[in-house]
Amino acid sequence: MASPEPLDVRLRDQDVLDEIEMTSNLMIAASAASGRLSQHVVDEILGVRPRRSVA
C-alpha cells in the first residue's frame, strides 16, 4: 500500500485563512462575553469601519 502524500503547505488561500481567523476571534470574544456582543464590538473584530456620509 502506498503511503499518503504529505500535505503541500505551499497551497494557501489567504482569503480563507483570514476568514478563519476572524471567525475564531468572534468565537473567542463571544465565549468571553457575559452577554451578547454589541454590533460595535463585532464590527471592531471584523475590521468594519463606519461609512462616511456623502453630502
N, C-alpha and C. Protein backbone atom coordinates (compact mmCIF):
# COMPACT_ATOMS: atom_id res chain seq x y z
N MET A 1 0.85 -1.17 0.00
CA MET A 1 0.00 0.00 0.00
C MET A 1 0.90 1.24 0.00
N ALA A 2 0.56 2.18 -0.85
CA ALA A 2 1.34 3.42 -0.95
C ALA A 2 1.02 4.33 0.23
N SER A 3 2.04 5.01 0.70
CA SER A 3 1.81 5.95 1.79
C SER A 3 1.18 7.23 1.24
N PRO A 4 0.34 7.90 2.02
CA PRO A 4 -0.29 9.14 1.55
C PRO A 4 0.75 10.22 1.31
N GLU A 5 0.45 11.08 0.34
CA GLU A 5 1.36 12.17 0.05
C GLU A 5 1.30 13.19 1.18
N PRO A 6 2.44 13.78 1.53
CA PRO A 6 2.43 14.80 2.60
C PRO A 6 1.65 16.03 2.15
N LEU A 7 1.13 16.73 3.11
CA LEU A 7 0.39 17.95 2.85
C LEU A 7 1.30 18.99 2.22
N ASP A 8 0.86 19.56 1.12
CA ASP A 8 1.64 20.59 0.44
C ASP A 8 1.30 21.93 1.08
N VAL A 9 2.16 22.41 1.97
CA VAL A 9 1.89 23.64 2.70
C VAL A 9 2.06 24.88 1.83
N ARG A 10 2.53 24.71 0.61
CA ARG A 10 2.64 25.87 -0.29
C ARG A 10 1.27 26.31 -0.79
N LEU A 11 0.31 25.40 -0.74
CA LEU A 11 -1.03 25.74 -1.20
C LEU A 11 -1.77 26.44 -0.07
N ARG A 12 -1.91 27.74 -0.20
CA ARG A 12 -2.57 28.53 0.83
C ARG A 12 -3.53 29.49 0.17
N ASP A 13 -4.65 29.66 0.78
CA ASP A 13 -5.64 30.61 0.29
C ASP A 13 -5.76 31.68 1.38
N GLN A 14 -5.15 32.82 1.16
CA GLN A 14 -5.10 33.86 2.19
C GLN A 14 -6.48 34.33 2.60
N ASP A 15 -7.42 34.42 1.65
CA ASP A 15 -8.78 34.85 1.99
C ASP A 15 -9.42 33.87 2.97
N VAL A 16 -9.24 32.59 2.74
CA VAL A 16 -9.82 31.58 3.65
C VAL A 16 -9.15 31.66 5.01
N LEU A 17 -7.84 31.80 5.04
CA LEU A 17 -7.13 31.91 6.31
C LEU A 17 -7.59 33.15 7.09
N ASP A 18 -7.79 34.26 6.40
CA ASP A 18 -8.28 35.48 7.06
C ASP A 18 -9.68 35.27 7.62
N GLU A 19 -10.54 34.58 6.86
CA GLU A 19 -11.90 34.33 7.32
C GLU A 19 -11.90 33.42 8.55
N ILE A 20 -11.05 32.42 8.54
CA ILE A 20 -10.94 31.51 9.70
C ILE A 20 -10.46 32.29 10.92
N GLU A 21 -9.51 33.19 10.73
CA GLU A 21 -9.02 33.99 11.86
C GLU A 21 -10.12 34.90 12.41
N MET A 22 -10.89 35.55 11.53
CA MET A 22 -11.98 36.42 12.00
C MET A 22 -13.03 35.62 12.75
N THR A 23 -13.38 34.44 12.21
CA THR A 23 -14.37 33.60 12.88
C THR A 23 -13.86 33.15 14.24
N SER A 24 -12.60 32.78 14.31
CA SER A 24 -12.00 32.38 15.59
C SER A 24 -12.03 33.53 16.59
N ASN A 25 -11.69 34.72 16.13
CA ASN A 25 -11.71 35.89 17.02
C ASN A 25 -13.13 36.17 17.53
N LEU A 26 -14.14 36.02 16.67
CA LEU A 26 -15.52 36.21 17.10
C LEU A 26 -15.91 35.16 18.14
N MET A 27 -15.51 33.92 17.91
CA MET A 27 -15.85 32.85 18.85
C MET A 27 -15.19 33.08 20.21
N ILE A 28 -13.96 33.52 20.21
CA ILE A 28 -13.25 33.79 21.46
C ILE A 28 -13.92 34.94 22.21
N ALA A 29 -14.24 36.01 21.49
CA ALA A 29 -14.89 37.16 22.13
C ALA A 29 -16.26 36.78 22.67
N ALA A 30 -17.01 36.00 21.90
CA ALA A 30 -18.35 35.60 22.33
C ALA A 30 -18.28 34.70 23.56
N SER A 31 -17.31 33.82 23.62
CA SER A 31 -17.21 32.91 24.77
C SER A 31 -16.74 33.65 26.02
N ALA A 32 -16.03 34.76 25.85
CA ALA A 32 -15.56 35.52 27.00
C ALA A 32 -16.58 36.55 27.49
N ALA A 33 -17.56 36.85 26.65
CA ALA A 33 -18.55 37.87 27.00
C ALA A 33 -19.60 37.31 27.95
N SER A 34 -20.12 38.18 28.79
CA SER A 34 -21.17 37.76 29.72
C SER A 34 -22.55 37.79 29.08
N GLY A 35 -22.66 38.43 27.95
CA GLY A 35 -23.92 38.51 27.21
C GLY A 35 -23.64 38.56 25.72
N ARG A 36 -24.59 39.10 25.00
CA ARG A 36 -24.40 39.22 23.56
C ARG A 36 -23.37 40.28 23.23
N LEU A 37 -22.65 40.07 22.14
CA LEU A 37 -21.70 41.08 21.68
C LEU A 37 -22.47 42.20 20.99
N SER A 38 -22.08 43.42 21.25
CA SER A 38 -22.73 44.54 20.57
C SER A 38 -22.28 44.58 19.12
N GLN A 39 -23.07 45.22 18.29
CA GLN A 39 -22.70 45.35 16.88
C GLN A 39 -21.37 46.07 16.74
N HIS A 40 -21.13 47.04 17.61
CA HIS A 40 -19.87 47.79 17.58
C HIS A 40 -18.68 46.86 17.82
N VAL A 41 -18.79 45.97 18.79
CA VAL A 41 -17.70 45.03 19.10
C VAL A 41 -17.49 44.07 17.93
N VAL A 42 -18.57 43.55 17.38
CA VAL A 42 -18.46 42.65 16.23
C VAL A 42 -17.78 43.36 15.07
N ASP A 43 -18.20 44.59 14.81
CA ASP A 43 -17.59 45.37 13.73
C ASP A 43 -16.10 45.58 13.96
N GLU A 44 -15.72 45.85 15.21
CA GLU A 44 -14.30 46.03 15.53
C GLU A 44 -13.51 44.75 15.26
N ILE A 45 -14.05 43.62 15.67
CA ILE A 45 -13.37 42.34 15.47
C ILE A 45 -13.21 42.04 13.98
N LEU A 46 -14.24 42.36 13.20
CA LEU A 46 -14.21 42.09 11.77
C LEU A 46 -13.49 43.15 10.96
N GLY A 47 -13.14 44.25 11.63
CA GLY A 47 -12.42 45.32 10.93
C GLY A 47 -13.32 46.19 10.07
N VAL A 48 -14.60 46.24 10.43
CA VAL A 48 -15.56 47.05 9.69
C VAL A 48 -15.44 48.49 10.16
N ARG A 49 -15.33 49.38 9.22
CA ARG A 49 -15.24 50.80 9.55
C ARG A 49 -16.56 51.48 9.19
N PRO A 50 -16.97 52.46 9.98
CA PRO A 50 -18.21 53.17 9.66
C PRO A 50 -18.11 53.87 8.32
N ARG A 51 -19.23 53.90 7.62
CA ARG A 51 -19.25 54.60 6.33
C ARG A 51 -19.20 56.09 6.56
N ARG A 52 -18.56 56.76 5.64
CA ARG A 52 -18.57 58.22 5.69
C ARG A 52 -19.80 58.68 4.93
N SER A 53 -20.51 59.63 5.52
CA SER A 53 -21.68 60.14 4.83
C SER A 53 -21.25 61.08 3.72
N VAL A 54 -21.90 60.96 2.60
CA VAL A 54 -21.60 61.79 1.44
C VAL A 54 -22.63 62.90 1.37
N ALA A 55 -22.15 64.13 1.39
CA ALA A 55 -23.09 65.26 1.38
C ALA A 55 -23.20 65.85 0.01
